[in-house]
Amino acid sequence: MEDKYAELRYLTRAHLGLVWEMVMAGAELEGDEAVLAGILKQHPKYFDTWEQAGTPPPEEEVLQDGTNPFAHIAIHQIIENQVADRTPPETAETLEALMQAGYTRHEAIHAIGHIVAEEIYEILQDNRPFDEAGYLEALRDLRQGEGETR
């Protein structure tokens, strides 16, 4: 069975690789590309992956220490977009609460990222729509527990 997501995976990786090339060349980036560049730079253990982002065949899953770096970065982008747009505002509130509880911003993004990843998994697993109420409840629980799962 042909992977219906192979082309999207290839284009996403190629775009990420292009942004990384611009970062390494010292280019001034704006908008979404500047946000992506900032996220990429926060993950030095993946720098070699960014260098070769367009190289692996799109059907090949890339894992490093059990993590798909491309999915990891995509989740970071989701959270950064939610915080910037304040949509939902609970994401920014959770980020702030975790940072006030002693998390670094990056650690707080990762804690929220676990919730996002679980939601994405369940959407794909159960072929269901986004559960906004459940997502907001999980964010509230994380805020109230101040990230005890850290």
C-alpha atoms as a PDB file:
ATOM      1  CA  MET A   1       0.000   0.000   0.000  1.00  0.00           C
ATOM      2  CA  GLU A   2       1.387   3.358  -1.024  1.00  0.00           C
ATOM      3  CA  ASP A   3       1.982   5.837   1.796  1.00  0.00           C
ATOM      4  CA  LYS A   4      -0.487   8.640   1.114  1.00  0.00           C
ATOM      5  CA  TYR A   5       1.497  11.000   3.320  1.00  0.00           C
ATOM      6  CA  ALA A   6       4.903  10.486   1.669  1.00  0.00           C
ATOM      7  CA  GLU A   7       4.727  13.638  -0.473  1.00  0.00           C
ATOM      8  CA  LEU A   8       3.623  15.786   2.455  1.00  0.00           C
ATOM      9  CA  ARG A   9       6.386  14.302   4.613  1.00  0.00           C
ATOM     10  CA  TYR A  10       8.958  15.035   1.893  1.00  0.00           C
ATOM     11  CA  LEU A  11       7.784  18.637   1.410  1.00  0.00           C
ATOM     12  CA  THR A  12       7.726  19.284   5.145  1.00  0.00           C
ATOM     13  CA  ARG A  13      11.248  17.928   5.584  1.00  0.00           C
ATOM     14  CA  ALA A  14      12.524  19.821   2.545  1.00  0.00           C
ATOM     15  CA  HIS A  15      11.066  23.089   3.878  1.00  0.00           C
ATOM     16  CA  LEU A  16      12.617  22.492   7.267  1.00  0.00           C
ATOM     17  CA  GLY A  17      15.968  21.767   5.593  1.00  0.00           C
ATOM     18  CA  LEU A  18      15.724  24.966   3.575  1.00  0.00           C
ATOM     19  CA  VAL A  19      14.991  27.016   6.698  1.00  0.00           C
ATOM     20  CA  TRP A  20      17.958  25.353   8.412  1.00  0.00           C
ATOM     21  CA  GLU A  21      20.204  26.256   5.459  1.00  0.00           C
ATOM     22  CA  MET A  22      19.063  29.876   5.789  1.00  0.00           C
ATOM     23  CA  VAL A  23      19.783  29.791   9.543  1.00  0.00           C
ATOM     24  CA  MET A  24      23.279  28.477   8.902  1.00  0.00           C
ATOM     25  CA  ALA A  25      23.841  31.165   6.258  1.00  0.00           C
ATOM     26  CA  GLY A  26      22.823  33.865   8.746  1.00  0.00           C
ATOM     27  CA  ALA A  27      19.760  34.950   6.770  1.00  0.00           C
ATOM     28  CA  GLU A  28      17.221  37.257   8.383  1.00  0.00           C
ATOM     29  CA  LEU A  29      13.975  35.323   8.642  1.00  0.00           C
ATOM     30  CA  GLU A  30      10.478  36.606   9.349  1.00  0.00           C
ATOM     31  CA  GLY A  31       7.126  35.230  10.401  1.00  0.00           C
ATOM     32  CA  ASP A  32       6.612  31.479  10.559  1.00  0.00           C
ATOM     33  CA  GLU A  33      10.095  30.801   9.225  1.00  0.00           C
ATOM     34  CA  ALA A  34      11.659  32.867  12.040  1.00  0.00           C
ATOM     35  CA  VAL A  35       9.615  30.908  14.584  1.00  0.00           C
ATOM     36  CA  LEU A  36      10.666  27.610  12.974  1.00  0.00           C
ATOM     37  CA  ALA A  37      14.313  28.720  12.943  1.00  0.00           C
ATOM     38  CA  GLY A  38      14.132  29.524  16.649  1.00  0.00           C
ATOM     39  CA  ILE A  39      12.656  26.123  17.419  1.00  0.00           C
ATOM     40  CA  LEU A  40      15.283  24.332  15.330  1.00  0.00           C
ATOM     41  CA  LYS A  41      18.093  26.151  17.150  1.00  0.00           C
ATOM     42  CA  GLN A  42      16.656  25.015  20.504  1.00  0.00           C
ATOM     43  CA  HIS A  43      17.367  21.397  19.564  1.00  0.00           C
ATOM     44  CA  PRO A  44      21.122  21.006  19.025  1.00  0.00           C
ATOM     45  CA  LYS A  45      20.961  17.223  19.297  1.00  0.00           C
ATOM     46  CA  TYR A  46      19.024  17.252  16.010  1.00  0.00           C
ATOM     47  CA  PHE A  47      21.351  19.585  14.076  1.00  0.00           C
ATOM     48  CA  ASP A  48      22.670  16.701  11.943  1.00  0.00           C
ATOM     49  CA  THR A  49      19.074  15.758  11.140  1.00  0.00           C
ATOM     50  CA  TRP A  50      18.292  19.317  10.017  1.00  0.00           C
ATOM     51  CA  GLU A  51      21.398  19.256   7.790  1.00  0.00           C
ATOM     52  CA  GLN A  52      20.017  16.209   5.960  1.00  0.00           C
ATOM     53  CA  ALA A  53      16.312  16.986   6.212  1.00  0.00           C
ATOM     54  CA  GLY A  54      15.548  16.353   2.540  1.00  0.00           C
ATOM     55  CA  THR A  55      17.797  13.306   2.223  1.00  0.00           C
ATOM     56  CA  PRO A  56      15.822  10.401   3.733  1.00  0.00           C
ATOM     57  CA  PRO A  57      13.202   8.939   1.434  1.00  0.00           C
ATOM     58  CA  PRO A  58       9.788  10.287   2.478  1.00  0.00           C
ATOM     59  CA  GLU A  59       8.547   6.806   3.349  1.00  0.00           C
ATOM     60  CA  GLU A  60      11.397   6.294   5.824  1.00  0.00           C
ATOM     61  CA  GLU A  61      10.653   7.224   9.418  1.00  0.00           C
ATOM     62  CA  VAL A  62      13.439   9.162  11.067  1.00  0.00           C
ATOM     63  CA  LEU A  63      13.971   8.422  14.750  1.00  0.00           C
ATOM     64  CA  GLN A  64      16.573   9.675  17.167  1.00  0.00           C
ATOM     65  CA  ASP A  65      16.508   8.246  20.679  1.00  0.00           C
ATOM     66  CA  GLY A  66      12.998   6.968  19.946  1.00  0.00           C
ATOM     67  CA  THR A  67      11.734  10.399  18.889  1.00  0.00           C
ATOM     68  CA  ASN A  68      10.814  11.591  15.422  1.00  0.00           C
ATOM     69  CA  PRO A  69      12.560  14.993  15.334  1.00  0.00           C
ATOM     70  CA  PHE A  70      10.213  16.279  12.625  1.00  0.00           C
ATOM     71  CA  ALA A  71       7.113  15.444  14.672  1.00  0.00           C
ATOM     72  CA  HIS A  72       8.804  16.927  17.736  1.00  0.00           C
ATOM     73  CA  ILE A  73       9.385  20.230  15.936  1.00  0.00           C
ATOM     74  CA  ALA A  74       5.842  20.222  14.526  1.00  0.00           C
ATOM     75  CA  ILE A  75       4.440  19.925  18.049  1.00  0.00           C
ATOM     76  CA  HIS A  76       6.654  22.815  19.175  1.00  0.00           C
ATOM     77  CA  GLN A  77       5.254  24.888  16.298  1.00  0.00           C
ATOM     78  CA  ILE A  78       1.670  24.043  17.251  1.00  0.00           C
ATOM     79  CA  ILE A  79       2.263  25.257  20.793  1.00  0.00           C
ATOM     80  CA  GLU A  80       4.173  28.375  19.731  1.00  0.00           C
ATOM     81  CA  ASN A  81       1.319  29.261  17.366  1.00  0.00           C
ATOM     82  CA  GLN A  82      -1.283  28.718  20.087  1.00  0.00           C
ATOM     83  CA  VAL A  83       0.696  30.920  22.489  1.00  0.00           C
ATOM     84  CA  ALA A  84       1.269  33.672  19.913  1.00  0.00           C
ATOM     85  CA  ASP A  85      -2.368  33.690  18.776  1.00  0.00           C
ATOM     86  CA  ARG A  86      -3.735  33.021  22.281  1.00  0.00           C
ATOM     87  CA  THR A  87      -5.898  30.355  20.672  1.00  0.00           C
ATOM     88  CA  PRO A  88      -6.803  28.840  22.969  1.00  0.00           C
ATOM     89  CA  PRO A  89      -5.690  31.287  25.689  1.00  0.00           C
ATOM     90  CA  GLU A  90      -5.314  28.353  28.094  1.00  0.00           C
ATOM     91  CA  THR A  91      -2.135  27.278  26.281  1.00  0.00           C
ATOM     92  CA  ALA A  92      -0.409  30.586  27.070  1.00  0.00           C
ATOM     93  CA  GLU A  93      -1.805  30.492  30.610  1.00  0.00           C
ATOM     94  CA  THR A  94      -0.413  26.994  31.092  1.00  0.00           C
ATOM     95  CA  LEU A  95       2.976  28.000  29.706  1.00  0.00           C
ATOM     96  CA  GLU A  96       3.129  30.945  32.109  1.00  0.00           C
ATOM     97  CA  ALA A  97       1.990  28.855  35.092  1.00  0.00           C
ATOM     98  CA  LEU A  98       4.630  26.219  34.423  1.00  0.00           C
ATOM     99  CA  MET A  99       7.352  28.842  34.069  1.00  0.00           C
ATOM    100  CA  GLN A 100       6.244  30.427  37.365  1.00  0.00           C
ATOM    101  CA  ALA A 101       6.493  26.947  38.901  1.00  0.00           C
ATOM    102  CA  GLY A 102      10.164  26.767  37.897  1.00  0.00           C
ATOM    103  CA  TYR A 103      10.118  25.255  34.431  1.00  0.00           C
ATOM    104  CA  THR A 104      12.255  26.755  31.725  1.00  0.00           C
ATOM    105  CA  ARG A 105      10.211  27.908  28.755  1.00  0.00           C
ATOM    106  CA  HIS A 106      11.513  24.944  26.768  1.00  0.00           C
ATOM    107  CA  GLU A 107      10.556  22.460  29.510  1.00  0.00           C
ATOM    108  CA  ALA A 108       7.092  24.010  29.709  1.00  0.00           C
ATOM    109  CA  ILE A 109       6.659  23.706  25.929  1.00  0.00           C
ATOM    110  CA  HIS A 110       7.609  20.022  26.231  1.00  0.00           C
ATOM    111  CA  ALA A 111       5.107  19.452  29.058  1.00  0.00           C
ATOM    112  CA  ILE A 112       2.331  20.992  26.967  1.00  0.00           C
ATOM    113  CA  GLY A 113       3.670  19.048  23.981  1.00  0.00           C
ATOM    114  CA  HIS A 114       2.901  15.771  25.739  1.00  0.00           C
ATOM    115  CA  ILE A 115      -0.751  16.784  25.848  1.00  0.00           C
ATOM    116  CA  VAL A 116      -0.724  17.835  22.187  1.00  0.00           C
ATOM    117  CA  ALA A 117       0.991  14.585  21.156  1.00  0.00           C
ATOM    118  CA  GLU A 118      -1.539  12.486  23.060  1.00  0.00           C
ATOM    119  CA  GLU A 119      -4.411  14.344  21.422  1.00  0.00           C
ATOM    120  CA  ILE A 120      -2.913  13.921  17.949  1.00  0.00           C
ATOM    121  CA  TYR A 121      -2.361  10.211  18.613  1.00  0.00           C
ATOM    122  CA  GLU A 122      -5.966   9.733  19.726  1.00  0.00           C
ATOM    123  CA  ILE A 123      -7.293  11.674  16.738  1.00  0.00           C
ATOM    124  CA  LEU A 124      -5.353   9.411  14.384  1.00  0.00           C
ATOM    125  CA  GLN A 125      -5.989   6.211  16.337  1.00  0.00           C
ATOM    126  CA  ASP A 126      -9.727   6.697  16.761  1.00  0.00           C
ATOM    127  CA  ASN A 127     -10.316   8.674  13.542  1.00  0.00           C
ATOM    128  CA  ARG A 128     -12.115  11.347  15.511  1.00  0.00           C
ATOM    129  CA  PRO A 129     -12.153  15.160  15.537  1.00  0.00           C
ATOM    130  CA  PHE A 130     -10.121  17.314  17.903  1.00  0.00           C
ATOM    131  CA  ASP A 131     -11.507  17.178  21.453  1.00  0.00           C
ATOM    132  CA  GLU A 132     -11.182  20.820  22.456  1.00  0.00           C
ATOM    133  CA  ALA A 133     -12.898  20.329  25.818  1.00  0.00           C
ATOM    134  CA  GLY A 134     -10.600  17.424  26.643  1.00  0.00           C
ATOM    135  CA  TYR A 135      -7.537  19.410  25.554  1.00  0.00           C
ATOM    136  CA  LEU A 136      -8.532  22.384  27.723  1.00  0.00           C
ATOM    137  CA  GLU A 137      -9.160  20.071  30.669  1.00  0.00           C
ATOM    138  CA  ALA A 138      -5.723  18.492  30.262  1.00  0.00           C
ATOM    139  CA  LEU A 139      -4.122  21.951  30.160  1.00  0.00           C
ATOM    140  CA  ARG A 140      -6.015  22.940  33.302  1.00  0.00           C
ATOM    141  CA  ASP A 141      -4.898  19.763  35.052  1.00  0.00           C
ATOM    142  CA  LEU A 142      -1.299  20.483  34.047  1.00  0.00           C
ATOM    143  CA  ARG A 143      -1.557  24.069  35.375  1.00  0.00           C
ATOM    144  CA  GLN A 144      -3.145  22.969  38.620  1.00  0.00           C
ATOM    145  CA  GLY A 145      -0.612  20.201  39.138  1.00  0.00           C
ATOM    146  CA  GLU A 146       2.145  22.586  38.040  1.00  0.00           C
ATOM    147  CA  GLY A 147       3.457  19.903  35.781  1.00  0.00           C
ATOM    148  CA  GLU A 148       3.972  17.095  38.266  1.00  0.00           C
ATOM    149  CA  THR A 149       4.768  14.818  35.294  1.00  0.00           C
ATOM    150  CA  ARG A 150       7.966  16.770  34.672  1.00  0.00           C
END
